[in-house]
């Protein structure tokens, strides 16, 4: 009986190992970007199989798959370590600047619209990025009393991608990242506490669109590189920060990651989910604190609440280098 169980566990471990190999090598197969975001969850599945193999006497096999597991986790860890090194410029200290809420409210979540609006008004955020903002369509007149400067929720039209601000928005642009979904990129400028900031809000396609996801990342990076000064980028990226596509975007646009990556989807997994909603900055802005909302209020995403600081002037020269070609 144990032999049959070991055989079944080995077969499953080989399948999981194949998935991890695809993530590591990125050969261009369908769905590889999806599993890239799930790399640590796939690794956790392999860990369970390694433990099970060991319990059922397959010690050699457990050891071999354990090495695969260590390599997979190590590769992911190196990506995160490399990202976190981009935050070194802020070690000299930061000055609190603004609070951001970035939240996919789920287009069909209309019954919770009032509740969401109440929360947003009470959040104390200076800037709010909303994706699939249909639930707050009827609440916009009330929201504008707290956030008088808005983009993307014109009167009489269903809200989709929307930006709300307490400070004036200028040089506003609404763009499309690709032909899959229109008008999912908002770019605007504002000034908070004397600091001019480029606000960039993006809602990217799901990773199983493969080439479209990569194309959207290129469009986004190219647009950011045309902006002068600090950048605050956030939104629903439908991919984790450590995935190759988003990490390439970070490098190409000289972006700085948050200090941690709160899980936002699926909500039923809570902190064990995947951080597919993200916030990045460009120096001298830095994310000093970030957390996911405890209550998704009917959405299938947990929104993000981030505190953004301004790095000390003396350290700005140490910020991330020039964009990659």
C-alpha atoms as a PDB file:
ATOM      1  CA  UNK A   1       0.000   0.000   0.000  1.00  0.00           C
ATOM      2  CA  UNK A   2       2.777   2.433   0.914  1.00  0.00           C
ATOM      3  CA  UNK A   3       4.473   1.746  -2.413  1.00  0.00           C
ATOM      4  CA  UNK A   4       1.339   2.761  -4.332  1.00  0.00           C
ATOM      5  CA  UNK A   5       0.993   5.921  -2.239  1.00  0.00           C
ATOM      6  CA  UNK A   6       4.655   6.794  -2.808  1.00  0.00           C
ATOM      7  CA  UNK A   7       4.127   6.329  -6.538  1.00  0.00           C
ATOM      8  CA  UNK A   8       1.099   8.631  -6.584  1.00  0.00           C
ATOM      9  CA  UNK A   9       2.911  11.251  -4.508  1.00  0.00           C
ATOM     10  CA  UNK A  10       5.923  11.058  -6.817  1.00  0.00           C
ATOM     11  CA  UNK A  11       3.745  11.576  -9.888  1.00  0.00           C
ATOM     12  CA  UNK A  12       2.135  14.634  -8.314  1.00  0.00           C
ATOM     13  CA  UNK A  13       5.532  15.971  -7.274  1.00  0.00           C
ATOM     14  CA  UNK A  14       6.804  15.599 -10.840  1.00  0.00           C
ATOM     15  CA  UNK A  15       3.843  17.625 -12.137  1.00  0.00           C
ATOM     16  CA  UNK A  16       4.472  20.372  -9.581  1.00  0.00           C
ATOM     17  CA  UNK A  17       8.195  20.316 -10.391  1.00  0.00           C
ATOM     18  CA  UNK A  18       7.360  20.765 -14.075  1.00  0.00           C
ATOM     19  CA  UNK A  19       5.269  23.848 -13.205  1.00  0.00           C
ATOM     20  CA  UNK A  20       8.127  25.304 -11.176  1.00  0.00           C
ATOM     21  CA  UNK A  21      10.523  24.620 -14.060  1.00  0.00           C
ATOM     22  CA  UNK A  22       8.248  26.518 -16.450  1.00  0.00           C
ATOM     23  CA  UNK A  23       8.150  29.448 -14.017  1.00  0.00           C
ATOM     24  CA  UNK A  24      11.931  29.409 -13.658  1.00  0.00           C
ATOM     25  CA  UNK A  25      12.766  29.148 -17.364  1.00  0.00           C
ATOM     26  CA  UNK A  26       9.849  31.136 -18.883  1.00  0.00           C
ATOM     27  CA  UNK A  27       9.864  29.239 -22.226  1.00  0.00           C
ATOM     28  CA  UNK A  28       6.839  31.141 -23.541  1.00  0.00           C
ATOM     29  CA  UNK A  29       4.161  28.538 -22.814  1.00  0.00           C
ATOM     30  CA  UNK A  30       0.500  29.468 -22.273  1.00  0.00           C
ATOM     31  CA  UNK A  31      -0.408  30.289 -18.659  1.00  0.00           C
ATOM     32  CA  UNK A  32       3.226  30.542 -17.541  1.00  0.00           C
ATOM     33  CA  UNK A  33       2.651  34.118 -16.344  1.00  0.00           C
ATOM     34  CA  UNK A  34      -0.269  32.938 -14.231  1.00  0.00           C
ATOM     35  CA  UNK A  35       1.882  30.352 -12.471  1.00  0.00           C
ATOM     36  CA  UNK A  36       4.662  32.924 -12.153  1.00  0.00           C
ATOM     37  CA  UNK A  37       2.445  34.890  -9.762  1.00  0.00           C
ATOM     38  CA  UNK A  38       1.583  31.639  -7.977  1.00  0.00           C
ATOM     39  CA  UNK A  39       5.209  30.470  -7.670  1.00  0.00           C
ATOM     40  CA  UNK A  40       5.207  30.427  -3.864  1.00  0.00           C
ATOM     41  CA  UNK A  41       1.824  28.704  -3.729  1.00  0.00           C
ATOM     42  CA  UNK A  42       3.065  26.038  -6.139  1.00  0.00           C
ATOM     43  CA  UNK A  43       6.186  25.692  -3.983  1.00  0.00           C
ATOM     44  CA  UNK A  44       3.961  25.251  -0.916  1.00  0.00           C
ATOM     45  CA  UNK A  45       2.170  22.399  -2.702  1.00  0.00           C
ATOM     46  CA  UNK A  46       5.542  20.748  -3.373  1.00  0.00           C
ATOM     47  CA  UNK A  47       6.471  21.162   0.296  1.00  0.00           C
ATOM     48  CA  UNK A  48       3.342  19.219   1.284  1.00  0.00           C
ATOM     49  CA  UNK A  49       4.272  16.454  -1.150  1.00  0.00           C
ATOM     50  CA  UNK A  50       7.861  16.340   0.147  1.00  0.00           C
ATOM     51  CA  UNK A  51       6.608  15.913   3.711  1.00  0.00           C
ATOM     52  CA  UNK A  52       4.124  13.244   2.610  1.00  0.00           C
ATOM     53  CA  UNK A  53       6.804  11.318   0.706  1.00  0.00           C
ATOM     54  CA  UNK A  54       9.025  11.364   3.748  1.00  0.00           C
ATOM     55  CA  UNK A  55       6.216  10.114   5.983  1.00  0.00           C
ATOM     56  CA  UNK A  56       5.528   7.223   3.629  1.00  0.00           C
ATOM     57  CA  UNK A  57       9.149   6.166   3.434  1.00  0.00           C
ATOM     58  CA  UNK A  58      10.229   7.835   0.218  1.00  0.00           C
ATOM     59  CA  UNK A  59      13.179   9.601   1.829  1.00  0.00           C
ATOM     60  CA  UNK A  60      15.419   9.721  -1.240  1.00  0.00           C
ATOM     61  CA  UNK A  61      12.618  11.099  -3.416  1.00  0.00           C
ATOM     62  CA  UNK A  62      11.702  13.561  -0.692  1.00  0.00           C
ATOM     63  CA  UNK A  63      15.306  14.726  -0.604  1.00  0.00           C
ATOM     64  CA  UNK A  64      15.473  15.209  -4.379  1.00  0.00           C
ATOM     65  CA  UNK A  65      12.221  17.143  -4.518  1.00  0.00           C
ATOM     66  CA  UNK A  66      13.357  19.076  -1.457  1.00  0.00           C
ATOM     67  CA  UNK A  67      16.304  20.383  -3.472  1.00  0.00           C
ATOM     68  CA  UNK A  68      13.924  21.427  -6.235  1.00  0.00           C
ATOM     69  CA  UNK A  69      11.805  23.187  -3.621  1.00  0.00           C
ATOM     70  CA  UNK A  70      14.805  25.032  -2.203  1.00  0.00           C
ATOM     71  CA  UNK A  71      15.867  26.175  -5.681  1.00  0.00           C
ATOM     72  CA  UNK A  72      12.378  27.425  -6.512  1.00  0.00           C
ATOM     73  CA  UNK A  73      11.997  29.362  -3.272  1.00  0.00           C
ATOM     74  CA  UNK A  74      15.531  30.681  -3.608  1.00  0.00           C
ATOM     75  CA  UNK A  75      14.882  32.046  -7.093  1.00  0.00           C
ATOM     76  CA  UNK A  76      11.738  33.846  -5.906  1.00  0.00           C
ATOM     77  CA  UNK A  77      13.535  35.158  -2.843  1.00  0.00           C
ATOM     78  CA  UNK A  78      16.342  36.600  -4.997  1.00  0.00           C
ATOM     79  CA  UNK A  79      13.784  38.547  -7.042  1.00  0.00           C
ATOM     80  CA  UNK A  80      12.280  40.031  -3.881  1.00  0.00           C
ATOM     81  CA  UNK A  81      15.703  40.835  -2.417  1.00  0.00           C
ATOM     82  CA  UNK A  82      16.681  42.585  -5.636  1.00  0.00           C
ATOM     83  CA  UNK A  83      13.467  44.608  -5.537  1.00  0.00           C
ATOM     84  CA  UNK A  84      13.953  45.604  -1.919  1.00  0.00           C
ATOM     85  CA  UNK A  85      17.445  46.899  -2.653  1.00  0.00           C
ATOM     86  CA  UNK A  86      15.745  49.656  -4.650  1.00  0.00           C
ATOM     87  CA  UNK A  87      14.518  51.040  -1.326  1.00  0.00           C
ATOM     88  CA  UNK A  88      18.020  51.708  -0.011  1.00  0.00           C
ATOM     89  CA  UNK A  89      17.908  55.382  -0.974  1.00  0.00           C
ATOM     90  CA  UNK A  90      15.271  56.005   1.715  1.00  0.00           C
ATOM     91  CA  UNK A  91      17.464  54.858   4.602  1.00  0.00           C
ATOM     92  CA  UNK A  92      18.388  58.467   5.365  1.00  0.00           C
ATOM     93  CA  UNK A  93      14.774  59.059   6.408  1.00  0.00           C
ATOM     94  CA  UNK A  94      11.473  60.165   4.939  1.00  0.00           C
ATOM     95  CA  UNK A  95       8.867  62.842   5.547  1.00  0.00           C
ATOM     96  CA  UNK A  96       5.187  61.749   5.513  1.00  0.00           C
ATOM     97  CA  UNK A  97       3.510  63.078   2.372  1.00  0.00           C
ATOM     98  CA  UNK A  98       0.224  61.393   1.495  1.00  0.00           C
ATOM     99  CA  UNK A  99      -2.112  58.458   2.007  1.00  0.00           C
ATOM    100  CA  UNK A 100      -3.309  56.373  -0.932  1.00  0.00           C
ATOM    101  CA  UNK A 101      -6.181  53.919  -1.287  1.00  0.00           C
ATOM    102  CA  UNK A 102      -6.091  51.624  -4.337  1.00  0.00           C
ATOM    103  CA  UNK A 103      -9.143  49.377  -4.598  1.00  0.00           C
ATOM    104  CA  UNK A 104     -10.887  47.210  -7.195  1.00  0.00           C
ATOM    105  CA  UNK A 105     -14.480  47.469  -5.947  1.00  0.00           C
ATOM    106  CA  UNK A 106     -15.869  44.886  -8.455  1.00  0.00           C
ATOM    107  CA  UNK A 107     -18.149  46.239 -11.138  1.00  0.00           C
ATOM    108  CA  UNK A 108     -21.197  44.190 -10.145  1.00  0.00           C
ATOM    109  CA  UNK A 109     -20.897  45.037  -6.445  1.00  0.00           C
ATOM    110  CA  UNK A 110     -23.577  47.740  -6.565  1.00  0.00           C
ATOM    111  CA  UNK A 111     -25.411  46.701  -3.350  1.00  0.00           C
ATOM    112  CA  UNK A 112     -22.320  47.693  -1.338  1.00  0.00           C
ATOM    113  CA  UNK A 113     -21.847  51.073  -3.007  1.00  0.00           C
ATOM    114  CA  UNK A 114     -22.976  53.186  -0.053  1.00  0.00           C
ATOM    115  CA  UNK A 115     -20.896  51.170   2.376  1.00  0.00           C
ATOM    116  CA  UNK A 116     -17.811  51.516   0.159  1.00  0.00           C
ATOM    117  CA  UNK A 117     -18.350  55.266  -0.195  1.00  0.00           C
ATOM    118  CA  UNK A 118     -18.713  55.633   3.578  1.00  0.00           C
ATOM    119  CA  UNK A 119     -15.416  53.806   4.066  1.00  0.00           C
ATOM    120  CA  UNK A 120     -13.604  55.868   1.428  1.00  0.00           C
ATOM    121  CA  UNK A 121     -14.791  59.140   2.953  1.00  0.00           C
ATOM    122  CA  UNK A 122     -13.648  58.023   6.407  1.00  0.00           C
ATOM    123  CA  UNK A 123     -10.331  56.575   5.167  1.00  0.00           C
ATOM    124  CA  UNK A 124      -8.417  59.838   5.384  1.00  0.00           C
ATOM    125  CA  UNK A 125      -6.804  59.144   2.017  1.00  0.00           C
ATOM    126  CA  UNK A 126      -5.456  62.049  -0.009  1.00  0.00           C
ATOM    127  CA  UNK A 127      -5.749  60.153  -3.296  1.00  0.00           C
ATOM    128  CA  UNK A 128      -7.962  57.208  -4.249  1.00  0.00           C
ATOM    129  CA  UNK A 129      -7.538  54.897  -7.235  1.00  0.00           C
ATOM    130  CA  UNK A 130     -10.663  52.848  -8.031  1.00  0.00           C
ATOM    131  CA  UNK A 131     -10.889  50.015 -10.537  1.00  0.00           C
ATOM    132  CA  UNK A 132     -14.263  48.556 -11.609  1.00  0.00           C
ATOM    133  CA  UNK A 133     -15.804  51.500  -9.786  1.00  0.00           C
ATOM    134  CA  UNK A 134     -19.411  50.777 -10.751  1.00  0.00           C
ATOM    135  CA  UNK A 135     -20.560  50.353  -7.133  1.00  0.00           C
ATOM    136  CA  UNK A 136     -19.894  54.032  -6.336  1.00  0.00           C
ATOM    137  CA  UNK A 137     -21.540  55.471  -9.465  1.00  0.00           C
ATOM    138  CA  UNK A 138     -24.547  56.731  -7.504  1.00  0.00           C
ATOM    139  CA  UNK A 139     -22.343  57.848  -4.604  1.00  0.00           C
ATOM    140  CA  UNK A 140     -20.106  60.187  -6.605  1.00  0.00           C
ATOM    141  CA  UNK A 141     -21.928  63.418  -5.658  1.00  0.00           C
ATOM    142  CA  UNK A 142     -21.307  62.570  -2.008  1.00  0.00           C
ATOM    143  CA  UNK A 143     -17.707  61.464  -2.629  1.00  0.00           C
ATOM    144  CA  UNK A 144     -16.950  64.715  -4.455  1.00  0.00           C
ATOM    145  CA  UNK A 145     -17.664  66.664  -1.292  1.00  0.00           C
ATOM    146  CA  UNK A 146     -14.528  65.092   0.210  1.00  0.00           C
ATOM    147  CA  UNK A 147     -12.684  64.481  -3.065  1.00  0.00           C
ATOM    148  CA  UNK A 148     -13.668  67.388  -5.329  1.00  0.00           C
ATOM    149  CA  UNK A 149     -11.174  66.503  -8.063  1.00  0.00           C
ATOM    150  CA  UNK A 150     -12.122  63.358  -9.958  1.00  0.00           C
ATOM    151  CA  UNK A 151     -11.299  61.656 -13.236  1.00  0.00           C
ATOM    152  CA  UNK A 152     -13.230  58.855 -14.898  1.00  0.00           C
ATOM    153  CA  UNK A 153     -16.690  59.106 -13.335  1.00  0.00           C
ATOM    154  CA  UNK A 154     -18.446  61.582 -15.567  1.00  0.00           C
ATOM    155  CA  UNK A 155     -22.007  62.518 -14.591  1.00  0.00           C
ATOM    156  CA  UNK A 156     -24.620  60.183 -16.019  1.00  0.00           C
ATOM    157  CA  UNK A 157     -22.154  57.416 -16.902  1.00  0.00           C
ATOM    158  CA  UNK A 158     -21.271  54.170 -15.179  1.00  0.00           C
ATOM    159  CA  UNK A 159     -17.966  54.448 -13.329  1.00  0.00           C
ATOM    160  CA  UNK A 160     -15.114  52.226 -14.437  1.00  0.00           C
ATOM    161  CA  UNK A 161     -11.545  53.354 -13.755  1.00  0.00           C
ATOM    162  CA  UNK A 162     -11.641  56.426 -11.506  1.00  0.00           C
ATOM    163  CA  UNK A 163      -9.177  58.657  -9.677  1.00  0.00           C
ATOM    164  CA  UNK A 164     -10.268  60.839  -6.749  1.00  0.00           C
ATOM    165  CA  UNK A 165      -8.159  63.523  -5.108  1.00  0.00           C
ATOM    166  CA  UNK A 166      -8.390  66.179  -2.420  1.00  0.00           C
ATOM    167  CA  UNK A 167      -5.912  68.349  -4.336  1.00  0.00           C
ATOM    168  CA  UNK A 168      -6.310  69.707  -7.874  1.00  0.00           C
ATOM    169  CA  UNK A 169      -5.508  67.381 -10.775  1.00  0.00           C
ATOM    170  CA  UNK A 170      -3.836  68.755 -13.890  1.00  0.00           C
ATOM    171  CA  UNK A 171      -2.439  67.395 -17.167  1.00  0.00           C
ATOM    172  CA  UNK A 172      -5.040  64.645 -17.030  1.00  0.00           C
ATOM    173  CA  UNK A 173      -4.911  61.821 -19.541  1.00  0.00           C
ATOM    174  CA  UNK A 174      -7.084  58.717 -19.924  1.00  0.00           C
ATOM    175  CA  UNK A 175      -5.433  56.072 -22.087  1.00  0.00           C
ATOM    176  CA  UNK A 176      -5.717  52.419 -23.087  1.00  0.00           C
ATOM    177  CA  UNK A 177      -2.991  49.962 -22.214  1.00  0.00           C
ATOM    178  CA  UNK A 178      -4.054  47.599 -25.011  1.00  0.00           C
ATOM    179  CA  UNK A 179      -6.966  46.719 -27.253  1.00  0.00           C
ATOM    180  CA  UNK A 180      -8.359  44.220 -24.734  1.00  0.00           C
ATOM    181  CA  UNK A 181      -9.947  46.817 -22.427  1.00  0.00           C
ATOM    182  CA  UNK A 182     -10.084  50.554 -23.214  1.00  0.00           C
ATOM    183  CA  UNK A 183      -9.373  53.485 -20.903  1.00  0.00           C
ATOM    184  CA  UNK A 184      -7.775  51.591 -18.045  1.00  0.00           C
ATOM    185  CA  UNK A 185      -4.842  53.952 -17.569  1.00  0.00           C
ATOM    186  CA  UNK A 186      -5.193  57.348 -15.895  1.00  0.00           C
ATOM    187  CA  UNK A 187      -2.301  59.791 -15.638  1.00  0.00           C
ATOM    188  CA  UNK A 188      -2.543  63.125 -13.814  1.00  0.00           C
ATOM    189  CA  UNK A 189      -0.449  65.539 -11.831  1.00  0.00           C
ATOM    190  CA  UNK A 190      -1.110  67.027  -8.428  1.00  0.00           C
ATOM    191  CA  UNK A 191       0.815  68.948  -5.792  1.00  0.00           C
ATOM    192  CA  UNK A 192       0.736  67.869  -2.149  1.00  0.00           C
ATOM    193  CA  UNK A 193       2.610  69.780   0.549  1.00  0.00           C
ATOM    194  CA  UNK A 194       4.597  71.581  -2.113  1.00  0.00           C
ATOM    195  CA  UNK A 195       5.682  68.408  -3.926  1.00  0.00           C
ATOM    196  CA  UNK A 196       4.548  67.879  -7.529  1.00  0.00           C
ATOM    197  CA  UNK A 197       3.584  64.229  -8.109  1.00  0.00           C
ATOM    198  CA  UNK A 198       2.712  62.188 -11.184  1.00  0.00           C
ATOM    199  CA  UNK A 199      -0.271  60.002 -10.356  1.00  0.00           C
ATOM    200  CA  UNK A 200      -0.491  56.870 -12.500  1.00  0.00           C
ATOM    201  CA  UNK A 201      -3.349  54.402 -12.143  1.00  0.00           C
ATOM    202  CA  UNK A 202      -3.451  51.160 -14.114  1.00  0.00           C
ATOM    203  CA  UNK A 203      -5.763  48.179 -14.485  1.00  0.00           C
ATOM    204  CA  UNK A 204      -3.881  45.531 -16.433  1.00  0.00           C
ATOM    205  CA  UNK A 205      -5.194  42.421 -18.178  1.00  0.00           C
ATOM    206  CA  UNK A 206      -5.080  39.025 -16.558  1.00  0.00           C
ATOM    207  CA  UNK A 207      -1.788  37.153 -17.015  1.00  0.00           C
ATOM    208  CA  UNK A 208      -3.279  34.406 -19.179  1.00  0.00           C
ATOM    209  CA  UNK A 209      -3.563  37.006 -21.952  1.00  0.00           C
ATOM    210  CA  UNK A 210       0.211  36.413 -22.238  1.00  0.00           C
ATOM    211  CA  UNK A 211       1.491  38.748 -24.986  1.00  0.00           C
ATOM    212  CA  UNK A 212      -1.120  41.372 -24.141  1.00  0.00           C
ATOM    213  CA  UNK A 213       0.055  41.461 -20.520  1.00  0.00           C
ATOM    214  CA  UNK A 214       3.650  41.970 -21.637  1.00  0.00           C
ATOM    215  CA  UNK A 215       2.585  44.626 -24.123  1.00  0.00           C
ATOM    216  CA  UNK A 216       0.652  46.517 -21.460  1.00  0.00           C
ATOM    217  CA  UNK A 217       3.676  46.480 -19.165  1.00  0.00           C
ATOM    218  CA  UNK A 218       5.773  47.944 -21.994  1.00  0.00           C
ATOM    219  CA  UNK A 219       3.202  50.671 -22.689  1.00  0.00           C
ATOM    220  CA  UNK A 220       3.026  51.497 -18.986  1.00  0.00           C
ATOM    221  CA  UNK A 221       6.803  51.657 -18.545  1.00  0.00           C
ATOM    222  CA  UNK A 222       7.206  53.761 -21.675  1.00  0.00           C
ATOM    223  CA  UNK A 223       4.579  56.207 -20.454  1.00  0.00           C
ATOM    224  CA  UNK A 224       6.124  56.507 -17.006  1.00  0.00           C
ATOM    225  CA  UNK A 225       9.554  57.161 -18.477  1.00  0.00           C
ATOM    226  CA  UNK A 226       8.140  60.197 -20.282  1.00  0.00           C
ATOM    227  CA  UNK A 227       7.107  61.775 -16.971  1.00  0.00           C
ATOM    228  CA  UNK A 228       9.380  64.116 -15.055  1.00  0.00           C
ATOM    229  CA  UNK A 229       9.593  63.928 -11.288  1.00  0.00           C
ATOM    230  CA  UNK A 230       8.141  61.624  -8.624  1.00  0.00           C
ATOM    231  CA  UNK A 231       5.657  58.925  -9.664  1.00  0.00           C
ATOM    232  CA  UNK A 232       2.977  57.117  -7.669  1.00  0.00           C
ATOM    233  CA  UNK A 233       1.836  54.039  -9.605  1.00  0.00           C
ATOM    234  CA  UNK A 234      -0.870  51.737  -8.280  1.00  0.00           C
ATOM    235  CA  UNK A 235      -3.759  49.603  -9.404  1.00  0.00           C
ATOM    236  CA  UNK A 236      -4.903  46.120 -10.257  1.00  0.00           C
ATOM    237  CA  UNK A 237      -1.991  44.501 -12.091  1.00  0.00           C
ATOM    238  CA  UNK A 238      -3.533  41.004 -12.066  1.00  0.00           C
ATOM    239  CA  UNK A 239      -0.021  39.728 -11.309  1.00  0.00           C
ATOM    240  CA  UNK A 240       2.291  39.628  -8.316  1.00  0.00           C
ATOM    241  CA  UNK A 241       5.186  42.060  -7.974  1.00  0.00           C
ATOM    242  CA  UNK A 242       7.679  39.193  -8.196  1.00  0.00           C
ATOM    243  CA  UNK A 243       6.313  37.914 -11.537  1.00  0.00           C
ATOM    244  CA  UNK A 244       8.675  38.424 -14.466  1.00  0.00           C
ATOM    245  CA  UNK A 245       6.341  40.805 -16.289  1.00  0.00           C
ATOM    246  CA  UNK A 246       5.833  43.138 -13.333  1.00  0.00           C
ATOM    247  CA  UNK A 247       9.468  42.909 -12.262  1.00  0.00           C
ATOM    248  CA  UNK A 248      10.504  43.876 -15.797  1.00  0.00           C
ATOM    249  CA  UNK A 249       8.114  46.829 -15.597  1.00  0.00           C
ATOM    250  CA  UNK A 250       9.697  47.851 -12.295  1.00  0.00           C
ATOM    251  CA  UNK A 251      13.185  47.746 -13.760  1.00  0.00           C
ATOM    252  CA  UNK A 252      12.260  49.473 -17.021  1.00  0.00           C
ATOM    253  CA  UNK A 253      10.566  52.379 -15.235  1.00  0.00           C
ATOM    254  CA  UNK A 254      13.002  52.620 -12.279  1.00  0.00           C
ATOM    255  CA  UNK A 255      10.236  51.927  -9.775  1.00  0.00           C
ATOM    256  CA  UNK A 256      10.539  51.320  -6.050  1.00  0.00           C
ATOM    257  CA  UNK A 257       8.479  48.506  -4.454  1.00  0.00           C
ATOM    258  CA  UNK A 258       6.633  48.610  -1.132  1.00  0.00           C
ATOM    259  CA  UNK A 259       8.273  47.203   2.010  1.00  0.00           C
ATOM    260  CA  UNK A 260       5.988  44.150   1.819  1.00  0.00           C
ATOM    261  CA  UNK A 261       3.461  42.623  -0.565  1.00  0.00           C
ATOM    262  CA  UNK A 262      -0.018  42.287   1.017  1.00  0.00           C
ATOM    263  CA  UNK A 263      -2.199  39.558  -0.457  1.00  0.00           C
ATOM    264  CA  UNK A 264      -5.295  40.914  -2.176  1.00  0.00           C
ATOM    265  CA  UNK A 265      -6.850  37.974  -4.065  1.00  0.00           C
ATOM    266  CA  UNK A 266      -8.704  35.702  -3.622  1.00  0.00           C
ATOM    267  CA  UNK A 267     -10.209  37.259  -0.523  1.00  0.00           C
ATOM    268  CA  UNK A 268     -11.151  33.902   1.023  1.00  0.00           C
ATOM    269  CA  UNK A 269      -7.445  33.121   1.453  1.00  0.00           C
ATOM    270  CA  UNK A 270      -6.789  36.350   3.349  1.00  0.00           C
ATOM    271  CA  UNK A 271      -3.052  36.874   3.961  1.00  0.00           C
ATOM    272  CA  UNK A 272      -2.300  33.581   2.153  1.00  0.00           C
ATOM    273  CA  UNK A 273      -3.609  34.913  -1.147  1.00  0.00           C
ATOM    274  CA  UNK A 274      -1.724  36.482  -4.052  1.00  0.00           C
ATOM    275  CA  UNK A 275      -0.659  40.166  -4.143  1.00  0.00           C
ATOM    276  CA  UNK A 276      -2.044  40.964  -7.594  1.00  0.00           C
ATOM    277  CA  UNK A 277      -2.834  44.576  -6.628  1.00  0.00           C
ATOM    278  CA  UNK A 278       0.314  46.655  -6.337  1.00  0.00           C
ATOM    279  CA  UNK A 279       1.743  50.044  -5.438  1.00  0.00           C
ATOM    280  CA  UNK A 280       5.093  51.340  -6.713  1.00  0.00           C
ATOM    281  CA  UNK A 281       6.787  54.722  -6.543  1.00  0.00           C
ATOM    282  CA  UNK A 282       9.634  56.474  -8.281  1.00  0.00           C
ATOM    283  CA  UNK A 283      12.182  58.296  -6.170  1.00  0.00           C
ATOM    284  CA  UNK A 284      12.131  60.439  -4.166  1.00  0.00           C
ATOM    285  CA  UNK A 285       8.712  59.004  -3.237  1.00  0.00           C
ATOM    286  CA  UNK A 286       8.801  55.875  -1.092  1.00  0.00           C
ATOM    287  CA  UNK A 287       6.086  53.649   0.359  1.00  0.00           C
ATOM    288  CA  UNK A 288       6.652  53.648   4.105  1.00  0.00           C
ATOM    289  CA  UNK A 289       3.707  51.426   5.037  1.00  0.00           C
ATOM    290  CA  UNK A 290       1.210  49.297   3.131  1.00  0.00           C
ATOM    291  CA  UNK A 291      -1.570  46.956   4.161  1.00  0.00           C
ATOM    292  CA  UNK A 292      -4.601  45.262   2.667  1.00  0.00           C
ATOM    293  CA  UNK A 293      -8.100  46.136   3.792  1.00  0.00           C
ATOM    294  CA  UNK A 294      -9.524  43.728   6.351  1.00  0.00           C
ATOM    295  CA  UNK A 295     -12.979  43.859   4.756  1.00  0.00           C
ATOM    296  CA  UNK A 296     -13.326  43.671   0.968  1.00  0.00           C
ATOM    297  CA  UNK A 297     -16.937  44.900   1.244  1.00  0.00           C
ATOM    298  CA  UNK A 298     -18.291  42.532  -1.363  1.00  0.00           C
ATOM    299  CA  UNK A 299     -15.407  42.845  -3.813  1.00  0.00           C
ATOM    300  CA  UNK A 300     -13.266  39.926  -4.936  1.00  0.00           C
ATOM    301  CA  UNK A 301     -10.160  42.030  -4.170  1.00  0.00           C
ATOM    302  CA  UNK A 302      -8.887  43.427  -0.907  1.00  0.00           C
ATOM    303  CA  UNK A 303      -7.977  47.053  -1.450  1.00  0.00           C
ATOM    304  CA  UNK A 304      -4.599  48.511  -0.480  1.00  0.00           C
ATOM    305  CA  UNK A 305      -3.921  51.379   1.904  1.00  0.00           C
ATOM    306  CA  UNK A 306      -0.458  52.900   1.577  1.00  0.00           C
ATOM    307  CA  UNK A 307       1.410  55.679   3.360  1.00  0.00           C
ATOM    308  CA  UNK A 308       3.763  57.508   1.019  1.00  0.00           C
ATOM    309  CA  UNK A 309       6.785  59.494   2.180  1.00  0.00           C
ATOM    310  CA  UNK A 310       9.307  61.838   0.627  1.00  0.00           C
ATOM    311  CA  UNK A 311      12.914  60.710   0.963  1.00  0.00           C
ATOM    312  CA  UNK A 312      15.464  63.054   2.469  1.00  0.00           C
ATOM    313  CA  UNK A 313      16.917  65.390  -0.165  1.00  0.00           C
ATOM    314  CA  UNK A 314      20.484  64.276   0.572  1.00  0.00           C
ATOM    315  CA  UNK A 315      19.650  60.684  -0.348  1.00  0.00           C
ATOM    316  CA  UNK A 316      17.879  61.312  -3.642  1.00  0.00           C
ATOM    317  CA  UNK A 317      21.082  60.926  -5.646  1.00  0.00           C
ATOM    318  CA  UNK A 318      21.261  57.336  -4.466  1.00  0.00           C
ATOM    319  CA  UNK A 319      17.889  56.469  -5.994  1.00  0.00           C
ATOM    320  CA  UNK A 320      17.391  53.735  -8.569  1.00  0.00           C
ATOM    321  CA  UNK A 321      19.473  54.219 -11.729  1.00  0.00           C
ATOM    322  CA  UNK A 322      18.456  55.003 -15.254  1.00  0.00           C
ATOM    323  CA  UNK A 323      15.726  52.963 -16.981  1.00  0.00           C
ATOM    324  CA  UNK A 324      16.653  49.735 -18.689  1.00  0.00           C
ATOM    325  CA  UNK A 325      16.529  49.800 -22.501  1.00  0.00           C
END
